[in-house]
C-alpha cells in the first residue's frame, strides 16, 4: 500500500506520525532536537489535540518539518492535517497567458497596477511579521524576556549612577569648609539679635519638618554629617522621623532626642526645656 493510500485510510494524522516514528525507533526528544519543535506541540500533533497547537500557519510548517524528519511526503501529510482540521486546502493554479502581439504587450504596460501601493505595503508588513514570529518560534527565542533583561540592566546601571552621585554629594558636603565658615559667621551675627540658637548635627540622611516662630511647617532635607542651625526669636517646633540619628544643642546645651510618639519625634523649644 502506498503512502498516499495509508494517509487516506488513516483517520488520525497524529496516529500516523506516531506509528512512523516508533517504527523508526525515534523518540519525541529526538524529533524536537532535530526539528526544533517544542515537546508540547509534538505531543499535541501526535494526539490530534488541535486546541493546544498554535495558529494554522505555524502548524502547516510543523507538519511539513515532521514529515521531512520521517522521510514522508510533506504535501500529503499537510493535506491530511488540513482535512482532519476541516480546513480547505489552497488549490495550486497555473496561469497560461495566451499569445499576444507586440502592441498588446505595450498596451498592458500602460494599464494601472491591479494592487494598490497601500495593499502591497500592508502585505509586506504582514509577511515580515510572520517571518519574525516564525524565526522566534524556530530559534526558541523570547523577545519579551530579552528586552526585559536589557531593561533590568539599564535600571541596575541607573542605581549605580545614583550611588556614585550620592557619594560625590557627601564628599562635597564634607569638603565645603568655605560654606561652613560663612554659615558660622552668619550665625554669630544672628546670635546678637536672637535669644535662642538651635544646632542639630545629623548622622544619617533624611527629611524633617520645621516650624519657626509660629510659621508653617516646611520640609528640610539633610545629609549624613550635615549640621543645620536656626536662630529663634520665639519658638521652634521640629518633627523628626523615628529613624533619625542626630546630636542636638540648644544655646550650647546638649539635649537628648525626644521620645518617639506614633512613629515620629516632636521637639518644641524652648518649651521642652522650661517644662
Protein backbone atom coordinates (compact mmCIF):
# COMPACT_ATOMS: atom_id res chain seq x y z
CA UNK A 1 0.00 0.00 0.00
CA UNK A 2 1.41 3.38 -0.98
CA UNK A 3 1.96 6.23 1.49
CA UNK A 4 -0.87 8.20 -0.11
CA UNK A 5 -3.30 5.30 0.38
CA UNK A 6 -2.19 4.92 4.01
CA UNK A 7 -2.77 8.62 4.67
CA UNK A 8 -6.20 8.47 3.04
CA UNK A 9 -7.27 5.43 5.05
CA UNK A 10 -5.83 6.74 8.35
CA UNK A 11 -8.41 8.84 10.20
CA UNK A 12 -5.86 10.31 12.61
CA UNK A 13 -2.81 12.07 11.18
CA UNK A 14 -1.35 12.10 14.70
CA UNK A 15 -1.54 8.31 14.94
CA UNK A 16 0.16 8.01 11.56
CA UNK A 17 3.05 10.24 12.64
CA UNK A 18 3.47 8.40 15.93
CA UNK A 19 3.48 4.97 14.25
CA UNK A 20 6.10 6.06 11.70
CA UNK A 21 8.27 7.49 14.48
CA UNK A 22 8.01 4.34 16.58
CA UNK A 23 8.78 2.16 13.55
CA UNK A 24 11.97 4.17 13.01
CA UNK A 25 12.89 3.79 16.71
CA UNK A 26 12.95 7.54 17.44
CA UNK A 27 11.64 9.40 20.48
CA UNK A 28 9.83 12.72 20.71
CA UNK A 29 13.00 14.25 22.16
CA UNK A 30 14.95 13.16 19.06
CA UNK A 31 12.33 14.85 16.88
CA UNK A 32 12.43 18.02 19.00
CA UNK A 33 16.25 18.18 18.86
CA UNK A 34 16.31 17.97 15.05
CA UNK A 35 13.20 19.95 14.08
CA UNK A 36 13.33 22.44 16.99
CA UNK A 37 9.60 21.90 17.52
CA UNK A 38 8.74 22.10 21.23
CA UNK A 39 7.72 18.98 23.11
CA UNK A 40 4.18 20.23 23.97
CA UNK A 41 3.48 20.92 20.27
CA UNK A 42 4.81 17.50 19.21
CA UNK A 43 2.64 15.80 21.83
CA UNK A 44 -0.40 17.77 20.62
CA UNK A 45 0.37 16.80 17.00
CA UNK A 46 0.56 13.08 17.77
CA UNK A 47 -2.61 13.20 19.90
CA UNK A 48 -4.52 15.36 17.36
CA UNK A 49 -5.12 17.95 20.10
CA UNK A 50 -5.53 20.94 17.81
CA UNK A 51 -6.73 23.21 20.63
CA UNK A 52 -3.27 23.15 22.25
CA UNK A 53 -1.48 23.91 19.00
CA UNK A 54 -0.51 27.36 17.65
CA UNK A 55 -2.01 29.14 14.66
CA UNK A 56 -2.70 27.21 11.48
CA UNK A 57 0.11 28.98 9.58
CA UNK A 58 2.65 27.59 12.07
CA UNK A 59 1.04 24.13 12.17
CA UNK A 60 1.46 23.63 8.44
CA UNK A 61 5.16 24.24 8.76
CA UNK A 62 5.41 21.94 11.80
CA UNK A 63 3.67 19.07 9.99
CA UNK A 64 5.91 19.60 6.95
CA UNK A 65 9.07 19.53 9.12
CA UNK A 66 7.85 16.42 10.97
CA UNK A 67 7.09 14.70 7.65
CA UNK A 68 10.57 15.51 6.32
CA UNK A 69 12.10 14.11 9.52
CA UNK A 70 10.17 10.83 8.99
CA UNK A 71 11.00 10.79 5.23
CA UNK A 72 7.31 11.15 4.40
CA UNK A 73 5.70 13.31 1.73
CA UNK A 74 5.23 16.75 3.37
CA UNK A 75 2.46 17.86 0.99
CA UNK A 76 0.35 14.76 1.67
CA UNK A 77 0.89 14.99 5.42
CA UNK A 78 -0.14 18.68 5.43
CA UNK A 79 -3.19 17.86 3.30
CA UNK A 80 -4.18 15.16 5.78
CA UNK A 81 -3.79 17.64 8.64
CA UNK A 82 -5.97 20.22 6.85
CA UNK A 83 -8.62 17.61 6.15
CA UNK A 84 -8.61 16.47 9.79
CA UNK A 85 -8.99 20.03 10.96
CA UNK A 86 -11.68 20.84 8.42
CA UNK A 87 -9.64 23.44 6.53
CA UNK A 88 -9.91 23.65 2.77
CA UNK A 89 -6.50 23.46 1.10
CA UNK A 90 -5.49 26.29 -1.18
CA UNK A 91 -5.53 24.92 -4.75
CA UNK A 92 -2.46 25.45 -6.90
CA UNK A 93 -3.46 27.28 -10.04
CA UNK A 94 -1.25 27.55 -13.10
CA UNK A 95 -1.99 30.53 -15.32
CA UNK A 96 -1.25 30.33 -19.03
CA UNK A 97 -1.04 33.56 -20.93
CA UNK A 98 -2.35 33.47 -24.49
CA UNK A 99 -0.08 34.62 -27.29
CA UNK A 100 -0.14 38.31 -27.81
CA UNK A 101 1.26 40.74 -30.30
CA UNK A 102 3.85 43.36 -29.53
CA UNK A 103 1.18 46.01 -29.48
CA UNK A 104 -0.72 44.08 -26.85
CA UNK A 105 2.38 43.94 -24.67
CA UNK A 106 2.88 47.67 -24.89
CA UNK A 107 -0.78 48.35 -24.13
CA UNK A 108 -0.52 46.29 -20.93
CA UNK A 109 2.36 48.46 -19.80
CA UNK A 110 0.04 51.47 -19.77
CA UNK A 111 -2.59 49.79 -17.59
CA UNK A 112 -2.76 50.75 -13.87
CA UNK A 113 -1.45 48.15 -11.38
CA UNK A 114 -4.04 45.67 -10.10
CA UNK A 115 -2.71 46.00 -6.49
CA UNK A 116 -2.65 49.39 -4.79
CA UNK A 117 0.58 50.59 -3.10
CA UNK A 118 -1.18 50.61 0.29
CA UNK A 119 -2.28 46.98 -0.08
CA UNK A 120 1.20 45.97 -1.21
CA UNK A 121 2.79 47.71 1.78
CA UNK A 122 0.32 46.05 4.16
CA UNK A 123 1.06 42.63 2.67
CA UNK A 124 4.79 43.24 3.04
CA UNK A 125 4.37 44.24 6.70
CA UNK A 126 2.27 41.14 7.45
CA UNK A 127 4.79 38.93 5.70
CA UNK A 128 7.66 40.47 7.67
CA UNK A 129 5.82 39.99 10.97
CA UNK A 130 5.05 36.36 10.09
CA UNK A 131 8.71 35.70 9.25
CA UNK A 132 9.87 37.27 12.54
CA UNK A 133 7.35 35.23 14.57
CA UNK A 134 8.39 32.07 12.76
CA UNK A 135 12.08 32.69 13.43
CA UNK A 136 11.43 33.40 17.13
CA UNK A 137 9.46 30.18 17.40
CA UNK A 138 12.02 28.12 15.48
CA UNK A 139 15.01 29.51 17.41
CA UNK A 140 13.12 29.26 20.73
CA UNK A 141 13.93 32.92 21.41
CA UNK A 142 11.61 35.05 23.56
CA UNK A 143 11.99 38.74 22.60
CA UNK A 144 9.91 39.88 25.60
CA UNK A 145 12.26 38.20 28.07
CA UNK A 146 15.29 39.56 26.19
CA UNK A 147 14.16 43.19 26.31
CA UNK A 148 13.06 42.78 29.95
CA UNK A 149 16.59 41.64 30.83
CA UNK A 150 18.09 44.62 29.00
CA UNK A 151 15.70 46.96 30.84
CA UNK A 152 16.74 45.48 34.20
CA UNK A 153 20.39 46.02 33.27
CA UNK A 154 19.64 49.67 32.49
CA UNK A 155 17.88 50.04 35.85
CA UNK A 156 20.87 48.46 37.61
CA UNK A 157 23.18 50.92 35.85
CA UNK A 158 20.99 53.83 36.91
CA UNK A 159 21.13 52.68 40.54
CA UNK A 160 24.93 52.53 40.38
CA UNK A 161 24.98 56.06 38.98
CA UNK A 162 22.76 57.24 41.85
CA UNK A 163 25.14 55.63 44.36
CA UNK A 164 28.08 57.44 42.74
CA UNK A 165 26.21 60.76 42.77
CA UNK A 166 25.33 60.26 46.45
CA UNK A 167 28.97 59.61 47.29
CA UNK A 168 30.03 62.74 45.42
CA UNK A 169 27.39 64.78 47.26
CA UNK A 170 28.62 63.55 50.62
CA UNK A 171 32.23 64.33 49.65
CA UNK A 172 31.28 67.82 48.55
CA UNK A 173 29.37 68.45 51.80
CA UNK A 174 32.36 67.33 53.89
CA UNK A 175 34.76 69.40 51.81
CA UNK A 176 32.65 72.58 51.89
CA UNK A 177 34.70 74.34 54.54
CA UNK A 178 34.16 77.73 52.96
CA UNK A 179 30.39 77.36 53.11
CA UNK A 180 30.58 76.18 56.75
CA UNK A 181 32.71 79.17 57.67
CA UNK A 182 30.20 81.51 56.05
CA UNK A 183 27.36 79.85 58.00
CA UNK A 184 29.29 80.27 61.26
CA UNK A 185 29.83 83.97 60.60
CA UNK A 186 26.15 84.39 59.80
CA UNK A 187 25.19 82.51 62.95
CA UNK A 188 27.49 84.69 65.12
CA UNK A 189 25.87 87.86 63.80
CA UNK A 190 22.39 86.40 64.26
CA UNK A 191 23.08 85.40 67.88
CA UNK A 192 23.45 89.03 68.83
CA UNK A 193 19.80 89.74 67.86
CA UNK A 194 18.03 86.45 68.72
CA UNK A 195 17.75 84.90 72.21
CA UNK A 196 17.77 81.24 71.13
CA UNK A 197 20.12 79.23 68.97
CA UNK A 198 19.49 75.58 67.88
CA UNK A 199 22.07 73.31 66.27
CA UNK A 200 21.42 69.73 65.03
CA UNK A 201 24.21 67.54 63.66
CA UNK A 202 22.73 64.63 61.67
CA UNK A 203 24.31 61.21 61.49
CA UNK A 204 22.13 59.92 58.66
CA UNK A 205 20.28 61.33 55.67
CA UNK A 206 16.58 62.11 55.60
CA UNK A 207 13.94 64.82 55.89
CA UNK A 208 12.48 66.80 58.81
CA UNK A 209 9.65 69.36 59.19
CA UNK A 210 10.38 72.72 60.80
CA UNK A 211 8.06 75.47 62.08
CA UNK A 212 9.96 78.61 63.11
CA UNK A 213 8.39 81.40 65.20
CA UNK A 214 4.76 80.29 64.72
CA UNK A 215 5.23 79.81 60.99
CA UNK A 216 4.08 76.96 58.72
CA UNK A 217 5.84 73.60 58.72
CA UNK A 218 8.49 73.44 55.99
CA UNK A 219 10.24 70.23 54.87
CA UNK A 220 14.02 70.34 55.21
CA UNK A 221 16.38 67.78 53.70
CA UNK A 222 19.61 66.78 55.44
CA UNK A 223 22.58 64.53 54.68
CA UNK A 224 24.75 62.40 56.91
CA UNK A 225 27.36 64.57 58.64
CA UNK A 226 25.47 67.81 57.90
CA UNK A 227 24.74 70.36 60.64
CA UNK A 228 21.65 72.59 60.48
CA UNK A 229 21.27 75.70 62.66
CA UNK A 230 18.41 78.06 63.46
CA UNK A 231 18.26 81.44 65.26
CA UNK A 232 14.96 81.68 67.10
CA UNK A 233 13.11 84.69 68.42
CA UNK A 234 10.10 82.94 69.99
CA UNK A 235 9.72 79.24 69.32
CA UNK A 236 10.78 76.39 67.02
CA UNK A 237 8.94 73.08 66.53
CA UNK A 238 10.68 70.25 64.68
CA UNK A 239 9.13 66.93 63.63
CA UNK A 240 11.81 64.27 63.21
CA UNK A 241 11.29 60.71 61.89
CA UNK A 242 11.70 57.81 64.27
CA UNK A 243 14.86 56.64 62.47
CA UNK A 244 16.71 59.95 62.81
CA UNK A 245 20.17 59.92 64.41
CA UNK A 246 21.38 63.35 65.50
CA UNK A 247 23.10 65.39 68.22
CA UNK A 248 21.05 68.41 69.43
CA UNK A 249 22.44 71.58 71.03
CA UNK A 250 20.20 74.42 72.24
CA UNK A 251 22.13 77.51 73.33
CA UNK A 252 25.23 75.28 73.63
CA UNK A 253 23.29 72.85 75.91
CA UNK A 254 23.26 69.25 74.67
CA UNK A 255 19.73 67.83 74.56
CA UNK A 256 18.66 64.17 74.13
CA UNK A 257 16.46 63.13 71.26
CA UNK A 258 12.76 63.34 72.20
CA UNK A 259 10.80 60.14 72.69
CA UNK A 260 9.01 58.55 69.76
CA UNK A 261 5.26 59.10 69.60
CA UNK A 262 3.29 57.43 66.79
CA UNK A 263 6.36 56.91 64.64
CA UNK A 264 7.88 60.42 64.96
CA UNK A 265 9.76 62.64 67.41
CA UNK A 266 8.45 66.14 68.27
CA UNK A 267 10.89 68.78 69.54
CA UNK A 268 9.43 72.09 70.80
CA UNK A 269 11.87 74.71 72.07
CA UNK A 270 12.19 76.45 74.47
CA UNK A 271 9.02 74.79 75.95
CA UNK A 272 10.69 71.38 76.32
CA UNK A 273 13.44 72.92 78.47
CA UNK A 274 11.14 75.15 80.53
CA UNK A 275 8.76 72.25 81.26
